[in-house]
């Protein structure tokens, strides 16, 4: 019968342990191996970075529109302007929450990377 897991000699084990110790000591290799499964959403020009910047700009524009609609609703006492302000305010809060959750996730990932190094 053929053994699918052949036994290593003492000399082969020592050589293998030396190779493994050298690889474990290589910090740049460790960093690259840890990031193999991760996406590159943080690099400039990538789709994830473009969406993150677009969400930031959209939230800023929505916030400005929200303030303008609030001032219009107060000045005109119109129920239509008040309802429009309410809708834009809800969308703005949702966008702000998404930005906050992304920032927390990035901070948590950066802390985990620092601990791993």
N, C-alpha and C. Protein backbone atom coordinates (compact mmCIF):
# COMPACT_ATOMS: atom_id res chain seq x y z
N UNK A 1 0.83 -1.17 0.00
CA UNK A 1 0.00 0.00 0.00
C UNK A 1 0.88 1.24 0.00
N UNK A 2 0.38 2.24 -0.72
CA UNK A 2 1.12 3.50 -0.80
C UNK A 2 0.62 4.46 0.26
N UNK A 3 1.52 5.01 1.06
CA UNK A 3 1.16 5.95 2.13
C UNK A 3 1.00 7.35 1.53
N UNK A 4 -0.21 7.98 1.60
CA UNK A 4 -0.40 9.31 1.02
C UNK A 4 0.38 10.39 1.76
N UNK A 5 0.78 10.12 2.99
CA UNK A 5 1.55 11.09 3.78
C UNK A 5 2.88 10.46 4.17
N UNK A 6 3.87 10.59 3.32
CA UNK A 6 5.15 9.95 3.65
C UNK A 6 5.79 10.61 4.86
N UNK A 7 6.52 9.84 5.62
CA UNK A 7 7.21 10.34 6.81
C UNK A 7 8.48 11.04 6.39
N UNK A 8 8.79 12.14 7.10
CA UNK A 8 10.02 12.88 6.84
C UNK A 8 11.13 12.37 7.75
N UNK A 9 12.32 12.39 7.23
CA UNK A 9 13.46 12.01 8.06
C UNK A 9 13.77 13.16 9.01
N UNK A 10 14.62 12.88 9.98
CA UNK A 10 15.00 13.90 10.96
C UNK A 10 15.65 15.09 10.25
N UNK A 11 16.51 14.84 9.30
CA UNK A 11 17.20 15.91 8.57
C UNK A 11 16.20 16.73 7.75
N UNK A 12 15.24 16.08 7.11
CA UNK A 12 14.24 16.80 6.33
C UNK A 12 13.35 17.67 7.23
N UNK A 13 13.00 17.15 8.42
CA UNK A 13 12.21 17.94 9.36
C UNK A 13 12.97 19.18 9.81
N UNK A 14 14.25 19.04 10.08
CA UNK A 14 15.08 20.18 10.50
C UNK A 14 15.15 21.23 9.39
N UNK A 15 15.31 20.79 8.15
CA UNK A 15 15.36 21.72 7.02
C UNK A 15 14.02 22.44 6.88
N UNK A 16 12.93 21.68 6.98
CA UNK A 16 11.60 22.27 6.87
C UNK A 16 11.33 23.26 8.00
N UNK A 17 11.73 22.95 9.22
CA UNK A 17 11.57 23.88 10.34
C UNK A 17 12.35 25.16 10.12
N UNK A 18 13.55 25.04 9.55
CA UNK A 18 14.35 26.23 9.24
C UNK A 18 13.68 27.12 8.20
N UNK A 19 13.12 26.49 7.18
CA UNK A 19 12.41 27.25 6.14
C UNK A 19 11.19 27.94 6.73
N UNK A 20 10.40 27.22 7.54
CA UNK A 20 9.21 27.79 8.15
C UNK A 20 9.56 28.94 9.09
N UNK A 21 10.63 28.80 9.85
CA UNK A 21 11.05 29.88 10.76
C UNK A 21 11.44 31.12 9.96
N UNK A 22 12.14 30.93 8.85
CA UNK A 22 12.51 32.07 8.01
C UNK A 22 11.29 32.76 7.42
N UNK A 23 10.30 31.98 7.00
CA UNK A 23 9.09 32.56 6.43
C UNK A 23 8.26 33.29 7.50
N UNK A 24 8.19 32.71 8.70
CA UNK A 24 7.45 33.38 9.78
C UNK A 24 8.11 34.70 10.18
N UNK A 25 9.40 34.80 10.03
CA UNK A 25 10.11 36.03 10.39
C UNK A 25 9.98 37.15 9.37
N UNK A 26 9.45 36.85 8.20
CA UNK A 26 9.31 37.85 7.13
C UNK A 26 8.01 38.63 7.34
N UNK A 27 8.11 39.85 7.87
CA UNK A 27 6.92 40.65 8.19
C UNK A 27 6.14 41.04 6.93
N UNK A 28 6.82 41.40 5.85
CA UNK A 28 6.10 41.81 4.65
C UNK A 28 5.33 40.64 4.04
N UNK A 29 5.91 39.44 4.10
CA UNK A 29 5.20 38.26 3.60
C UNK A 29 3.97 37.98 4.46
N UNK A 30 4.10 38.10 5.78
CA UNK A 30 2.96 37.90 6.67
C UNK A 30 1.83 38.87 6.34
N UNK A 31 2.19 40.14 6.13
CA UNK A 31 1.19 41.16 5.81
C UNK A 31 0.49 40.83 4.50
N UNK A 32 1.26 40.43 3.50
CA UNK A 32 0.67 40.12 2.19
C UNK A 32 -0.24 38.88 2.27
N UNK A 33 0.19 37.87 3.03
CA UNK A 33 -0.63 36.67 3.15
C UNK A 33 -1.92 36.94 3.90
N UNK A 34 -1.87 37.80 4.92
CA UNK A 34 -3.09 38.13 5.67
C UNK A 34 -4.08 38.89 4.81
N UNK A 35 -3.59 39.68 3.86
CA UNK A 35 -4.49 40.51 3.06
C UNK A 35 -4.90 39.85 1.75
N UNK A 36 -4.58 38.58 1.54
CA UNK A 36 -4.92 37.92 0.28
C UNK A 36 -6.42 37.88 0.03
N UNK A 37 -7.22 37.59 1.02
CA UNK A 37 -8.65 37.48 0.81
C UNK A 37 -9.40 38.80 0.90
N UNK A 38 -8.71 39.87 1.23
CA UNK A 38 -9.39 41.16 1.41
C UNK A 38 -9.49 41.89 0.09
N UNK A 39 -10.56 42.68 -0.04
CA UNK A 39 -10.72 43.50 -1.24
C UNK A 39 -9.89 44.76 -1.12
N UNK A 40 -9.66 45.42 -2.22
CA UNK A 40 -8.85 46.64 -2.21
C UNK A 40 -9.74 47.86 -2.31
N UNK A 41 -10.75 47.95 -1.45
CA UNK A 41 -11.70 49.06 -1.50
C UNK A 41 -11.08 50.37 -1.02
N UNK A 42 -9.94 50.29 -0.32
CA UNK A 42 -9.35 51.51 0.21
C UNK A 42 -8.39 52.18 -0.75
N UNK A 43 -8.07 51.55 -1.87
CA UNK A 43 -7.13 52.16 -2.79
C UNK A 43 -7.85 53.19 -3.65
N UNK A 44 -7.16 54.27 -3.98
CA UNK A 44 -7.75 55.31 -4.80
C UNK A 44 -8.04 54.76 -6.19
N UNK A 45 -9.14 55.18 -6.76
CA UNK A 45 -9.51 54.74 -8.09
C UNK A 45 -10.31 53.45 -8.11
N UNK A 46 -10.44 52.77 -7.00
CA UNK A 46 -11.21 51.54 -6.98
C UNK A 46 -12.70 51.86 -6.83
N UNK A 47 -13.52 50.89 -7.12
CA UNK A 47 -14.97 51.08 -7.07
C UNK A 47 -15.43 51.41 -5.66
N UNK A 48 -14.89 50.73 -4.64
CA UNK A 48 -15.29 50.98 -3.26
C UNK A 48 -14.95 52.40 -2.81
N UNK A 49 -13.78 52.89 -3.21
CA UNK A 49 -13.39 54.25 -2.83
C UNK A 49 -14.29 55.27 -3.52
N UNK A 50 -14.64 55.01 -4.78
CA UNK A 50 -15.52 55.93 -5.50
C UNK A 50 -16.89 55.98 -4.84
N UNK A 51 -17.41 54.83 -4.44
CA UNK A 51 -18.72 54.82 -3.77
C UNK A 51 -18.66 55.52 -2.43
N UNK A 52 -17.56 55.34 -1.69
CA UNK A 52 -17.43 55.99 -0.39
C UNK A 52 -17.39 57.51 -0.55
N UNK A 53 -16.63 57.98 -1.53
CA UNK A 53 -16.56 59.43 -1.75
C UNK A 53 -17.89 59.98 -2.25
N UNK A 54 -18.56 59.20 -3.10
CA UNK A 54 -19.86 59.64 -3.61
C UNK A 54 -20.88 59.72 -2.48
N UNK A 55 -20.84 58.77 -1.55
CA UNK A 55 -21.76 58.80 -0.42
C UNK A 55 -21.48 60.01 0.46
N UNK A 56 -20.21 60.35 0.66
CA UNK A 56 -19.87 61.53 1.45
C UNK A 56 -20.38 62.81 0.82
N UNK A 57 -20.14 62.95 -0.49
CA UNK A 57 -20.62 64.16 -1.17
C UNK A 57 -22.13 64.21 -1.20
N UNK A 58 -22.77 63.09 -1.45
CA UNK A 58 -24.24 63.06 -1.48
C UNK A 58 -24.83 63.43 -0.13
N UNK A 59 -24.21 62.95 0.93
CA UNK A 59 -24.69 63.28 2.28
C UNK A 59 -24.54 64.77 2.56
N UNK A 60 -23.43 65.34 2.12
CA UNK A 60 -23.22 66.78 2.32
C UNK A 60 -24.26 67.59 1.55
N UNK A 61 -24.53 67.21 0.31
CA UNK A 61 -25.54 67.92 -0.49
C UNK A 61 -26.93 67.75 0.13
N UNK A 62 -27.23 66.54 0.59
CA UNK A 62 -28.52 66.32 1.25
C UNK A 62 -28.66 67.15 2.52
N UNK A 63 -27.58 67.28 3.28
CA UNK A 63 -27.63 68.08 4.50
C UNK A 63 -27.89 69.55 4.18
N UNK A 64 -27.24 70.07 3.15
CA UNK A 64 -27.47 71.46 2.74
C UNK A 64 -28.92 71.63 2.27
N UNK A 65 -29.40 70.68 1.47
CA UNK A 65 -30.78 70.73 1.02
C UNK A 65 -31.76 70.63 2.18
N UNK A 66 -31.40 69.84 3.17
CA UNK A 66 -32.25 69.68 4.35
C UNK A 66 -32.38 71.01 5.10
N UNK A 67 -31.26 71.71 5.27
CA UNK A 67 -31.29 73.02 5.94
C UNK A 67 -32.13 74.01 5.13
N UNK A 68 -31.94 74.01 3.82
CA UNK A 68 -32.70 74.94 2.96
C UNK A 68 -34.20 74.63 3.03
N UNK A 69 -34.56 73.36 2.98
CA UNK A 69 -35.97 73.00 3.06
C UNK A 69 -36.56 73.33 4.43
N UNK A 70 -35.77 73.18 5.49
CA UNK A 70 -36.24 73.54 6.82
C UNK A 70 -36.54 75.03 6.90
N UNK A 71 -35.60 75.83 6.37
CA UNK A 71 -35.81 77.29 6.38
C UNK A 71 -37.02 77.67 5.54
N UNK A 72 -37.22 76.99 4.39
CA UNK A 72 -38.37 77.26 3.54
C UNK A 72 -39.67 76.86 4.26
N UNK A 73 -39.65 75.72 4.95
CA UNK A 73 -40.85 75.27 5.66
C UNK A 73 -41.20 76.21 6.80
N UNK A 74 -40.19 76.74 7.50
CA UNK A 74 -40.45 77.67 8.60
C UNK A 74 -40.98 79.00 8.06
N UNK A 75 -40.37 79.48 6.98
CA UNK A 75 -40.75 80.79 6.43
C UNK A 75 -42.13 80.76 5.78
N UNK A 76 -42.48 79.65 5.12
CA UNK A 76 -43.74 79.62 4.38
C UNK A 76 -44.88 78.98 5.15
N UNK A 77 -44.61 78.25 6.19
CA UNK A 77 -45.62 77.51 6.96
C UNK A 77 -46.42 76.58 6.06
N UNK A 78 -45.77 76.05 5.04
CA UNK A 78 -46.41 75.16 4.08
C UNK A 78 -46.22 73.71 4.52
N UNK A 79 -47.30 72.94 4.45
CA UNK A 79 -47.19 71.53 4.86
C UNK A 79 -46.40 70.73 3.82
N UNK A 80 -46.47 71.10 2.56
CA UNK A 80 -45.71 70.41 1.51
C UNK A 80 -44.21 70.54 1.73
N UNK A 81 -43.76 71.75 2.06
CA UNK A 81 -42.34 71.97 2.33
C UNK A 81 -41.91 71.21 3.58
N UNK A 82 -42.79 71.13 4.56
CA UNK A 82 -42.47 70.41 5.78
C UNK A 82 -42.34 68.90 5.51
N UNK A 83 -43.24 68.34 4.71
CA UNK A 83 -43.15 66.93 4.37
C UNK A 83 -41.92 66.63 3.53
N UNK A 84 -41.60 67.53 2.60
CA UNK A 84 -40.40 67.35 1.78
C UNK A 84 -39.14 67.40 2.66
N UNK A 85 -39.13 68.34 3.62
CA UNK A 85 -38.01 68.41 4.56
C UNK A 85 -37.90 67.11 5.34
N UNK A 86 -39.02 66.56 5.79
CA UNK A 86 -39.02 65.31 6.57
C UNK A 86 -38.42 64.16 5.76
N UNK A 87 -38.81 64.05 4.51
CA UNK A 87 -38.30 62.97 3.66
C UNK A 87 -36.79 63.11 3.44
N UNK A 88 -36.34 64.32 3.14
CA UNK A 88 -34.91 64.55 2.90
C UNK A 88 -34.13 64.34 4.19
N UNK A 89 -34.71 64.72 5.32
CA UNK A 89 -34.03 64.54 6.60
C UNK A 89 -33.81 63.06 6.90
N UNK A 90 -34.82 62.22 6.64
CA UNK A 90 -34.69 60.78 6.88
C UNK A 90 -33.59 60.19 5.99
N UNK A 91 -33.58 60.55 4.72
CA UNK A 91 -32.55 60.05 3.80
C UNK A 91 -31.16 60.51 4.26
N UNK A 92 -31.06 61.75 4.72
CA UNK A 92 -29.78 62.27 5.20
C UNK A 92 -29.30 61.51 6.43
N UNK A 93 -30.19 61.20 7.33
CA UNK A 93 -29.82 60.45 8.55
C UNK A 93 -29.36 59.04 8.18
N UNK A 94 -30.02 58.40 7.23
CA UNK A 94 -29.61 57.07 6.79
C UNK A 94 -28.21 57.13 6.18
N UNK A 95 -27.95 58.12 5.34
CA UNK A 95 -26.62 58.26 4.75
C UNK A 95 -25.56 58.54 5.82
N UNK A 96 -25.88 59.37 6.79
CA UNK A 96 -24.94 59.63 7.89
C UNK A 96 -24.64 58.37 8.68
N UNK A 97 -25.64 57.54 8.91
CA UNK A 97 -25.42 56.29 9.64
C UNK A 97 -24.52 55.35 8.84
N UNK A 98 -24.72 55.28 7.52
CA UNK A 98 -23.86 54.44 6.69
C UNK A 98 -22.42 54.93 6.73
N UNK A 99 -22.23 56.25 6.66
CA UNK A 99 -20.87 56.80 6.76
C UNK A 99 -20.24 56.47 8.10
N UNK A 100 -21.01 56.60 9.16
CA UNK A 100 -20.51 56.31 10.50
C UNK A 100 -20.13 54.83 10.64
N UNK A 101 -20.97 53.94 10.15
CA UNK A 101 -20.68 52.51 10.23
C UNK A 101 -19.44 52.14 9.43
N UNK A 102 -19.26 52.75 8.27
CA UNK A 102 -18.05 52.49 7.47
C UNK A 102 -16.80 52.99 8.18
N UNK A 103 -16.90 54.16 8.79
CA UNK A 103 -15.74 54.71 9.52
C UNK A 103 -15.38 53.82 10.70
N UNK A 104 -16.37 53.32 11.41
CA UNK A 104 -16.10 52.43 12.54
C UNK A 104 -15.47 51.13 12.05
N UNK A 105 -15.97 50.59 10.94
CA UNK A 105 -15.41 49.35 10.40
C UNK A 105 -13.97 49.55 9.95
N UNK A 106 -13.67 50.68 9.29
CA UNK A 106 -12.29 50.95 8.87
C UNK A 106 -11.37 51.09 10.07
N UNK A 107 -11.83 51.76 11.11
CA UNK A 107 -11.02 51.93 12.32
C UNK A 107 -10.78 50.59 12.99
N UNK A 108 -11.81 49.74 13.05
CA UNK A 108 -11.68 48.43 13.66
C UNK A 108 -10.70 47.56 12.86
N UNK A 109 -10.78 47.62 11.52
CA UNK A 109 -9.87 46.84 10.68
C UNK A 109 -8.43 47.33 10.84
N UNK A 110 -8.24 48.65 10.92
CA UNK A 110 -6.90 49.20 11.10
C UNK A 110 -6.32 48.78 12.45
N UNK A 111 -7.14 48.77 13.48
CA UNK A 111 -6.67 48.34 14.81
C UNK A 111 -6.31 46.86 14.80
N UNK A 112 -7.10 46.06 14.10
CA UNK A 112 -6.80 44.62 14.01
C UNK A 112 -5.50 44.40 13.25
N UNK A 113 -5.25 45.17 12.18
CA UNK A 113 -4.00 45.05 11.44
C UNK A 113 -2.81 45.45 12.29
N UNK A 114 -2.97 46.52 13.10
CA UNK A 114 -1.87 46.95 13.97
C UNK A 114 -1.56 45.89 15.02
N UNK A 115 -2.61 45.26 15.56
CA UNK A 115 -2.39 44.21 16.56
C UNK A 115 -1.70 43.01 15.94
N UNK A 116 -2.03 42.70 14.68
CA UNK A 116 -1.46 41.53 14.01
C UNK A 116 0.02 41.75 13.67
N UNK A 117 0.42 43.00 13.46
CA UNK A 117 1.84 43.26 13.11
C UNK A 117 2.69 43.26 14.30
